Amino acid sequence: MRNSRLVQARIEKGLSQSDLASQLGCSKQAVSNWETGYSTPPLATALKISDVLGKDVKFLFSNEVQDIHTKNKESKEVS
């Protein structure tokens, strides 16, 4: 699931994926993965993203955290 809030916040700050990656000390590919929903950042990195973009971490990542929780719960129920 695409993280449109993360993409929009980055664009509003006038940052490219490379710019954000540089400020976070990670790769452009990592930023791309977070934005496309392929992966989510570790909590410490999510907090850094929140600081850099000036948005609440819950606003940026609440859907992703909920999706992960739901998938984990469904996985346990199937087992």
PDB file of N, CA and C in Angstrom:
ATOM      1  N   MET A   1       0.842  -1.179   0.000  1.00  0.00           N
ATOM      2  CA  MET A   1       0.000   0.000   0.000  1.00  0.00           C
ATOM      3  C   MET A   1       0.891   1.247   0.000  1.00  0.00           C
ATOM      4  N   ARG A   2       0.680   2.103  -0.964  1.00  0.00           N
ATOM      5  CA  ARG A   2       1.476   3.313  -1.112  1.00  0.00           C
ATOM      6  C   ARG A   2       1.270   4.245   0.081  1.00  0.00           C
ATOM      7  N   ASN A   3       2.360   4.820   0.572  1.00  0.00           N
ATOM      8  CA  ASN A   3       2.277   5.771   1.673  1.00  0.00           C
ATOM      9  C   ASN A   3       2.204   7.180   1.093  1.00  0.00           C
ATOM     10  N   SER A   4       1.000   7.586   0.703  1.00  0.00           N
ATOM     11  CA  SER A   4       0.826   8.888   0.063  1.00  0.00           C
ATOM     12  C   SER A   4       1.086  10.044   1.024  1.00  0.00           C
ATOM     13  N   ARG A   5       0.886   9.827   2.309  1.00  0.00           N
ATOM     14  CA  ARG A   5       1.171  10.893   3.278  1.00  0.00           C
ATOM     15  C   ARG A   5       2.660  11.192   3.338  1.00  0.00           C
ATOM     16  N   LEU A   6       3.466  10.158   3.306  1.00  0.00           N
ATOM     17  CA  LEU A   6       4.913  10.340   3.319  1.00  0.00           C
ATOM     18  C   LEU A   6       5.366  11.045   2.047  1.00  0.00           C
ATOM     19  N   VAL A   7       4.858  10.610   0.910  1.00  0.00           N
ATOM     20  CA  VAL A   7       5.214  11.228  -0.375  1.00  0.00           C
ATOM     21  C   VAL A   7       4.828  12.704  -0.366  1.00  0.00           C
ATOM     22  N   GLN A   8       3.595  13.002   0.034  1.00  0.00           N
ATOM     23  CA  GLN A   8       3.108  14.382   0.035  1.00  0.00           C
ATOM     24  C   GLN A   8       3.919  15.260   0.978  1.00  0.00           C
ATOM     25  N   ALA A   9       4.232  14.771   2.162  1.00  0.00           N
ATOM     26  CA  ALA A   9       5.012  15.552   3.124  1.00  0.00           C
ATOM     27  C   ALA A   9       6.410  15.841   2.581  1.00  0.00           C
ATOM     28  N   ARG A  10       7.006  14.867   1.930  1.00  0.00           N
ATOM     29  CA  ARG A  10       8.340  15.065   1.347  1.00  0.00           C
ATOM     30  C   ARG A  10       8.290  16.118   0.251  1.00  0.00           C
ATOM     31  N   ILE A  11       7.290  16.025  -0.610  1.00  0.00           N
ATOM     32  CA  ILE A  11       7.141  16.988  -1.707  1.00  0.00           C
ATOM     33  C   ILE A  11       6.874  18.391  -1.165  1.00  0.00           C
ATOM     34  N   GLU A  12       6.030  18.490  -0.133  1.00  0.00           N
ATOM     35  CA  GLU A  12       5.738  19.791   0.478  1.00  0.00           C
ATOM     36  C   GLU A  12       6.995  20.456   1.018  1.00  0.00           C
ATOM     37  N   LYS A  13       7.938  19.659   1.492  1.00  0.00           N
ATOM     38  CA  LYS A  13       9.211  20.186   2.000  1.00  0.00           C
ATOM     39  C   LYS A  13      10.189  20.490   0.868  1.00  0.00           C
ATOM     40  N   GLY A  14       9.813  20.138  -0.356  1.00  0.00           N
ATOM     41  CA  GLY A  14      10.681  20.394  -1.499  1.00  0.00           C
ATOM     42  C   GLY A  14      11.876  19.465  -1.571  1.00  0.00           C
ATOM     43  N   LEU A  15      11.714  18.260  -1.028  1.00  0.00           N
ATOM     44  CA  LEU A  15      12.809  17.294  -0.993  1.00  0.00           C
ATOM     45  C   LEU A  15      12.593  16.186  -2.016  1.00  0.00           C
ATOM     46  N   SER A  16      13.668  15.775  -2.651  1.00  0.00           N
ATOM     47  CA  SER A  16      13.627  14.575  -3.486  1.00  0.00           C
ATOM     48  C   SER A  16      13.834  13.373  -2.572  1.00  0.00           C
ATOM     49  N   GLN A  17      13.642  12.189  -3.103  1.00  0.00           N
ATOM     50  CA  GLN A  17      13.929  10.985  -2.319  1.00  0.00           C
ATOM     51  C   GLN A  17      15.401  10.970  -1.913  1.00  0.00           C
ATOM     52  N   SER A  18      16.268  11.391  -2.815  1.00  0.00           N
ATOM     53  CA  SER A  18      17.709  11.428  -2.517  1.00  0.00           C
ATOM     54  C   SER A  18      18.018  12.420  -1.408  1.00  0.00           C
ATOM     55  N   ASP A  19      17.359  13.588  -1.436  1.00  0.00           N
ATOM     56  CA  ASP A  19      17.566  14.593  -0.391  1.00  0.00           C
ATOM     57  C   ASP A  19      17.164  14.043   0.977  1.00  0.00           C
ATOM     58  N   LEU A  20      15.996  13.424   1.036  1.00  0.00           N
ATOM     59  CA  LEU A  20      15.519  12.867   2.301  1.00  0.00           C
ATOM     60  C   LEU A  20      16.451  11.761   2.774  1.00  0.00           C
ATOM     61  N   ALA A  21      16.846  10.900   1.864  1.00  0.00           N
ATOM     62  CA  ALA A  21      17.761   9.809   2.214  1.00  0.00           C
ATOM     63  C   ALA A  21      19.061  10.356   2.789  1.00  0.00           C
ATOM     64  N   SER A  22      19.579  11.402   2.184  1.00  0.00           N
ATOM     65  CA  SER A  22      20.825  12.010   2.652  1.00  0.00           C
ATOM     66  C   SER A  22      20.671  12.544   4.077  1.00  0.00           C
ATOM     67  N   GLN A  23      19.556  13.198   4.352  1.00  0.00           N
ATOM     68  CA  GLN A  23      19.324  13.741   5.694  1.00  0.00           C
ATOM     69  C   GLN A  23      19.131  12.641   6.736  1.00  0.00           C
ATOM     70  N   LEU A  24      18.643  11.495   6.295  1.00  0.00           N
ATOM     71  CA  LEU A  24      18.392  10.384   7.218  1.00  0.00           C
ATOM     72  C   LEU A  24      19.581   9.441   7.344  1.00  0.00           C
ATOM     73  N   GLY A  25      20.526   9.545   6.413  1.00  0.00           N
ATOM     74  CA  GLY A  25      21.669   8.635   6.420  1.00  0.00           C
ATOM     75  C   GLY A  25      21.307   7.250   5.917  1.00  0.00           C
ATOM     76  N   CYS A  26      20.411   7.197   4.937  1.00  0.00           N
ATOM     77  CA  CYS A  26      20.010   5.912   4.364  1.00  0.00           C
ATOM     78  C   CYS A  26      20.059   6.021   2.841  1.00  0.00           C
ATOM     79  N   SER A  27      19.665   4.972   2.158  1.00  0.00           N
ATOM     80  CA  SER A  27      19.701   4.973   0.695  1.00  0.00           C
ATOM     81  C   SER A  27      18.403   5.543   0.114  1.00  0.00           C
ATOM     82  N   LYS A  28      18.501   6.024  -1.115  1.00  0.00           N
ATOM     83  CA  LYS A  28      17.320   6.484  -1.847  1.00  0.00           C
ATOM     84  C   LYS A  28      16.344   5.324  -2.021  1.00  0.00           C
ATOM     85  N   GLN A  29      16.882   4.134  -2.212  1.00  0.00           N
ATOM     86  CA  GLN A  29      16.039   2.948  -2.390  1.00  0.00           C
ATOM     87  C   GLN A  29      15.201   2.674  -1.140  1.00  0.00           C
ATOM     88  N   ALA A  30      15.778   2.901   0.042  1.00  0.00           N
ATOM     89  CA  ALA A  30      15.018   2.710   1.282  1.00  0.00           C
ATOM     90  C   ALA A  30      13.825   3.660   1.320  1.00  0.00           C
ATOM     91  N   VAL A  31      14.060   4.926   0.975  1.00  0.00           N
ATOM     92  CA  VAL A  31      12.971   5.908   0.949  1.00  0.00           C
ATOM     93  C   VAL A  31      11.901   5.475  -0.055  1.00  0.00           C
ATOM     94  N   SER A  32      12.331   5.041  -1.214  1.00  0.00           N
ATOM     95  CA  SER A  32      11.396   4.562  -2.237  1.00  0.00           C
ATOM     96  C   SER A  32      10.573   3.387  -1.713  1.00  0.00           C
ATOM     97  N   ASN A  33      11.227   2.463  -1.027  1.00  0.00           N
ATOM     98  CA  ASN A  33      10.525   1.296  -0.470  1.00  0.00           C
ATOM     99  C   ASN A  33       9.467   1.708   0.547  1.00  0.00           C
ATOM    100  N   TRP A  34       9.767   2.697   1.377  1.00  0.00           N
ATOM    101  CA  TRP A  34       8.798   3.172   2.366  1.00  0.00           C
ATOM    102  C   TRP A  34       7.622   3.843   1.676  1.00  0.00           C
ATOM    103  N   GLU A  35       7.919   4.636   0.643  1.00  0.00           N
ATOM    104  CA  GLU A  35       6.854   5.360  -0.049  1.00  0.00           C
ATOM    105  C   GLU A  35       5.943   4.434  -0.850  1.00  0.00           C
ATOM    106  N   THR A  36       6.489   3.394  -1.395  1.00  0.00           N
ATOM    107  CA  THR A  36       5.675   2.457  -2.180  1.00  0.00           C
ATOM    108  C   THR A  36       4.974   1.424  -1.305  1.00  0.00           C
ATOM    109  N   GLY A  37       5.346   1.369  -0.025  1.00  0.00           N
ATOM    110  CA  GLY A  37       4.735   0.411   0.881  1.00  0.00           C
ATOM    111  C   GLY A  37       5.404  -0.948   0.875  1.00  0.00           C
ATOM    112  N   TYR A  38       6.533  -1.050   0.178  1.00  0.00           N
ATOM    113  CA  TYR A  38       7.261  -2.317   0.137  1.00  0.00           C
ATOM    114  C   TYR A  38       7.816  -2.673   1.513  1.00  0.00           C
ATOM    115  N   SER A  39       8.209  -1.650   2.267  1.00  0.00           N
ATOM    116  CA  SER A  39       8.704  -1.863   3.627  1.00  0.00           C
ATOM    117  C   SER A  39       8.376  -0.636   4.461  1.00  0.00           C
ATOM    118  N   THR A  40       8.585  -0.739   5.761  1.00  0.00           N
ATOM    119  CA  THR A  40       8.408   0.401   6.654  1.00  0.00           C
ATOM    120  C   THR A  40       9.715   0.638   7.391  1.00  0.00           C
ATOM    121  N   PRO A  41       9.987   1.885   7.744  1.00  0.00           N
ATOM    122  CA  PRO A  41      11.242   2.177   8.433  1.00  0.00           C
ATOM    123  C   PRO A  41      11.203   1.707   9.883  1.00  0.00           C
ATOM    124  N   PRO A  42      12.386   1.457  10.448  1.00  0.00           N
ATOM    125  CA  PRO A  42      12.447   1.182  11.884  1.00  0.00           C
ATOM    126  C   PRO A  42      11.933   2.406  12.653  1.00  0.00           C
ATOM    127  N   LEU A  43      11.504   2.209  13.876  1.00  0.00           N
ATOM    128  CA  LEU A  43      10.925   3.292  14.666  1.00  0.00           C
ATOM    129  C   LEU A  43      11.856   4.495  14.762  1.00  0.00           C
ATOM    130  N   ALA A  44      13.131   4.272  15.044  1.00  0.00           N
ATOM    131  CA  ALA A  44      14.073   5.391  15.180  1.00  0.00           C
ATOM    132  C   ALA A  44      14.132   6.206  13.892  1.00  0.00           C
ATOM    133  N   THR A  45      14.110   5.531  12.761  1.00  0.00           N
ATOM    134  CA  THR A  45      14.145   6.226  11.475  1.00  0.00           C
ATOM    135  C   THR A  45      12.825   6.941  11.219  1.00  0.00           C
ATOM    136  N   ALA A  46      11.721   6.321  11.575  1.00  0.00           N
ATOM    137  CA  ALA A  46      10.412   6.962  11.412  1.00  0.00           C
ATOM    138  C   ALA A  46      10.352   8.263  12.210  1.00  0.00           C
ATOM    139  N   LEU A  47      10.941   8.257  13.397  1.00  0.00           N
ATOM    140  CA  LEU A  47      10.980   9.474  14.211  1.00  0.00           C
ATOM    141  C   LEU A  47      11.841  10.547  13.557  1.00  0.00           C
ATOM    142  N   LYS A  48      12.961  10.152  12.947  1.00  0.00           N
ATOM    143  CA  LYS A  48      13.804  11.107  12.223  1.00  0.00           C
ATOM    144  C   LYS A  48      13.050  11.688  11.029  1.00  0.00           C
ATOM    145  N   ILE A  49      12.336  10.833  10.311  1.00  0.00           N
ATOM    146  CA  ILE A  49      11.547  11.292   9.167  1.00  0.00           C
ATOM    147  C   ILE A  49      10.529  12.326   9.636  1.00  0.00           C
ATOM    148  N   SER A  50       9.872  12.043  10.743  1.00  0.00           N
ATOM    149  CA  SER A  50       8.893  12.950  11.317  1.00  0.00           C
ATOM    150  C   SER A  50       9.516  14.312  11.606  1.00  0.00           C
ATOM    151  N   ASP A  51      10.707  14.312  12.185  1.00  0.00           N
ATOM    152  CA  ASP A  51      11.406  15.564  12.489  1.00  0.00           C
ATOM    153  C   ASP A  51      11.773  16.325  11.221  1.00  0.00           C
ATOM    154  N   VAL A  52      12.348  15.629  10.258  1.00  0.00           N
ATOM    155  CA  VAL A  52      12.791  16.264   9.013  1.00  0.00           C
ATOM    156  C   VAL A  52      11.607  16.858   8.250  1.00  0.00           C
ATOM    157  N   LEU A  53      10.503  16.130   8.197  1.00  0.00           N
ATOM    158  CA  LEU A  53       9.352  16.573   7.413  1.00  0.00           C
ATOM    159  C   LEU A  53       8.390  17.462   8.200  1.00  0.00           C
ATOM    160  N   GLY A  54       8.586  17.545   9.514  1.00  0.00           N
ATOM    161  CA  GLY A  54       7.729  18.395  10.332  1.00  0.00           C
ATOM    162  C   GLY A  54       6.304  17.883  10.453  1.00  0.00           C
ATOM    163  N   LYS A  55       6.154  16.575  10.404  1.00  0.00           N
ATOM    164  CA  LYS A  55       4.835  15.946  10.530  1.00  0.00           C
ATOM    165  C   LYS A  55       4.870  14.925  11.658  1.00  0.00           C
ATOM    166  N   ASP A  56       3.732  14.730  12.287  1.00  0.00           N
ATOM    167  CA  ASP A  56       3.630  13.754  13.362  1.00  0.00           C
ATOM    168  C   ASP A  56       3.864  12.345  12.823  1.00  0.00           C
ATOM    169  N   VAL A  57       4.622  11.559  13.557  1.00  0.00           N
ATOM    170  CA  VAL A  57       4.942  10.200  13.117  1.00  0.00           C
ATOM    171  C   VAL A  57       3.674   9.359  12.946  1.00  0.00           C
ATOM    172  N   LYS A  58       2.691   9.583  13.791  1.00  0.00           N
ATOM    173  CA  LYS A  58       1.429   8.840  13.668  1.00  0.00           C
ATOM    174  C   LYS A  58       0.712   9.207  12.372  1.00  0.00           C
ATOM    175  N   PHE A  59       0.767  10.487  12.008  1.00  0.00           N
ATOM    176  CA  PHE A  59       0.150  10.923  10.756  1.00  0.00           C
ATOM    177  C   PHE A  59       0.830  10.259   9.565  1.00  0.00           C
ATOM    178  N   LEU A  60       2.154  10.220   9.591  1.00  0.00           N
ATOM    179  CA  LEU A  60       2.911   9.678   8.465  1.00  0.00           C
ATOM    180  C   LEU A  60       2.782   8.165   8.327  1.00  0.00           C
ATOM    181  N   PHE A  61       2.706   7.468   9.462  1.00  0.00           N
ATOM    182  CA  PHE A  61       2.807   6.007   9.404  1.00  0.00           C
ATOM    183  C   PHE A  61       1.655   5.244  10.043  1.00  0.00           C
ATOM    184  N   SER A  62       0.596   5.898  10.468  1.00  0.00           N
ATOM    185  CA  SER A  62      -0.479   5.187  11.178  1.00  0.00           C
ATOM    186  C   SER A  62      -1.119   4.097  10.331  1.00  0.00           C
ATOM    187  N   ASN A  63      -1.340   4.342   9.063  1.00  0.00           N
ATOM    188  CA  ASN A  63      -1.942   3.308   8.208  1.00  0.00           C
ATOM    189  C   ASN A  63      -1.031   2.105   8.079  1.00  0.00           C
ATOM    190  N   GLU A  64       0.270   2.339   7.941  1.00  0.00           N
ATOM    191  CA  GLU A  64       1.216   1.245   7.778  1.00  0.00           C
ATOM    192  C   GLU A  64       1.296   0.398   9.041  1.00  0.00           C
ATOM    193  N   VAL A  65       1.312   1.045  10.200  1.00  0.00           N
ATOM    194  CA  VAL A  65       1.368   0.305  11.461  1.00  0.00           C
ATOM    195  C   VAL A  65       0.105  -0.527  11.614  1.00  0.00           C
ATOM    196  N   GLN A  66      -1.050   0.039  11.283  1.00  0.00           N
ATOM    197  CA  GLN A  66      -2.313  -0.693  11.376  1.00  0.00           C
ATOM    198  C   GLN A  66      -2.311  -1.883  10.429  1.00  0.00           C
ATOM    199  N   ASP A  67      -1.834  -1.678   9.197  1.00  0.00           N
ATOM    200  CA  ASP A  67      -1.783  -2.772   8.226  1.00  0.00           C
ATOM    201  C   ASP A  67      -0.899  -3.905   8.715  1.00  0.00           C
ATOM    202  N   ILE A  68       0.258  -3.575   9.275  1.00  0.00           N
ATOM    203  CA  ILE A  68       1.182  -4.598   9.780  1.00  0.00           C
ATOM    204  C   ILE A  68       0.536  -5.352  10.933  1.00  0.00           C
ATOM    205  N   HIS A  69      -0.111  -4.622  11.848  1.00  0.00           N
ATOM    206  CA  HIS A  69      -0.780  -5.251  12.990  1.00  0.00           C
ATOM    207  C   HIS A  69      -1.870  -6.210  12.497  1.00  0.00           C
ATOM    208  N   THR A  70      -2.643  -5.766  11.537  1.00  0.00           N
ATOM    209  CA  THR A  70      -3.723  -6.598  11.000  1.00  0.00           C
ATOM    210  C   THR A  70      -3.171  -7.845  10.332  1.00  0.00           C
ATOM    211  N   LYS A  71      -2.125  -7.690   9.528  1.00  0.00           N
ATOM    212  CA  LYS A  71      -1.525  -8.842   8.853  1.00  0.00           C
ATOM    213  C   LYS A  71      -0.960  -9.833   9.863  1.00  0.00           C
ATOM    214  N   ASN A  72      -0.301  -9.331  10.914  1.00  0.00           N
ATOM    215  CA  ASN A  72       0.254 -10.216  11.939  1.00  0.00           C
ATOM    216  C   ASN A  72      -0.859 -10.961  12.664  1.00  0.00           C
ATOM    217  N   LYS A  73      -1.941 -10.266  12.970  1.00  0.00           N
ATOM    218  CA  LYS A  73      -3.063 -10.886  13.667  1.00  0.00           C
ATOM    219  C   LYS A  73      -3.701 -11.968  12.793  1.00  0.00           C
ATOM    220  N   GLU A  74      -3.892 -11.662  11.506  1.00  0.00           N
ATOM    221  CA  GLU A  74      -4.480 -12.641  10.594  1.00  0.00           C
ATOM    222  C   GLU A  74      -3.575 -13.854  10.447  1.00  0.00           C
ATOM    223  N   SER A  75      -2.284 -13.623  10.419  1.00  0.00           N
ATOM    224  CA  SER A  75      -1.319 -14.712  10.282  1.00  0.00           C
ATOM    225  C   SER A  75      -1.393 -15.645  11.488  1.00  0.00           C
ATOM    226  N   LYS A  76      -1.525 -15.085  12.687  1.00  0.00           N
ATOM    227  CA  LYS A  76      -1.599 -15.892  13.903  1.00  0.00           C
ATOM    228  C   LYS A  76      -2.903 -16.683  13.956  1.00  0.00           C
ATOM    229  N   GLU A  77      -3.986 -16.078  13.454  1.00  0.00           N
ATOM    230  CA  GLU A  77      -5.275 -16.755  13.474  1.00  0.00           C
ATOM    231  C   GLU A  77      -5.298 -17.939  12.517  1.00  0.00           C
ATOM    232  N   VAL A  78      -4.565 -17.849  11.422  1.00  0.00           N
ATOM    233  CA  VAL A  78      -4.516 -18.922  10.432  1.00  0.00           C
ATOM    234  C   VAL A  78      -3.673 -20.080  10.928  1.00  0.00           C
ATOM    235  N   SER A  79      -2.648 -19.773  11.714  1.00  0.00           N
ATOM    236  CA  SER A  79      -1.710 -20.812  12.184  1.00  0.00           C
ATOM    237  C   SER A  79      -2.354 -21.830  13.073  1.00  0.00           C
TER     238      SER A  79
END
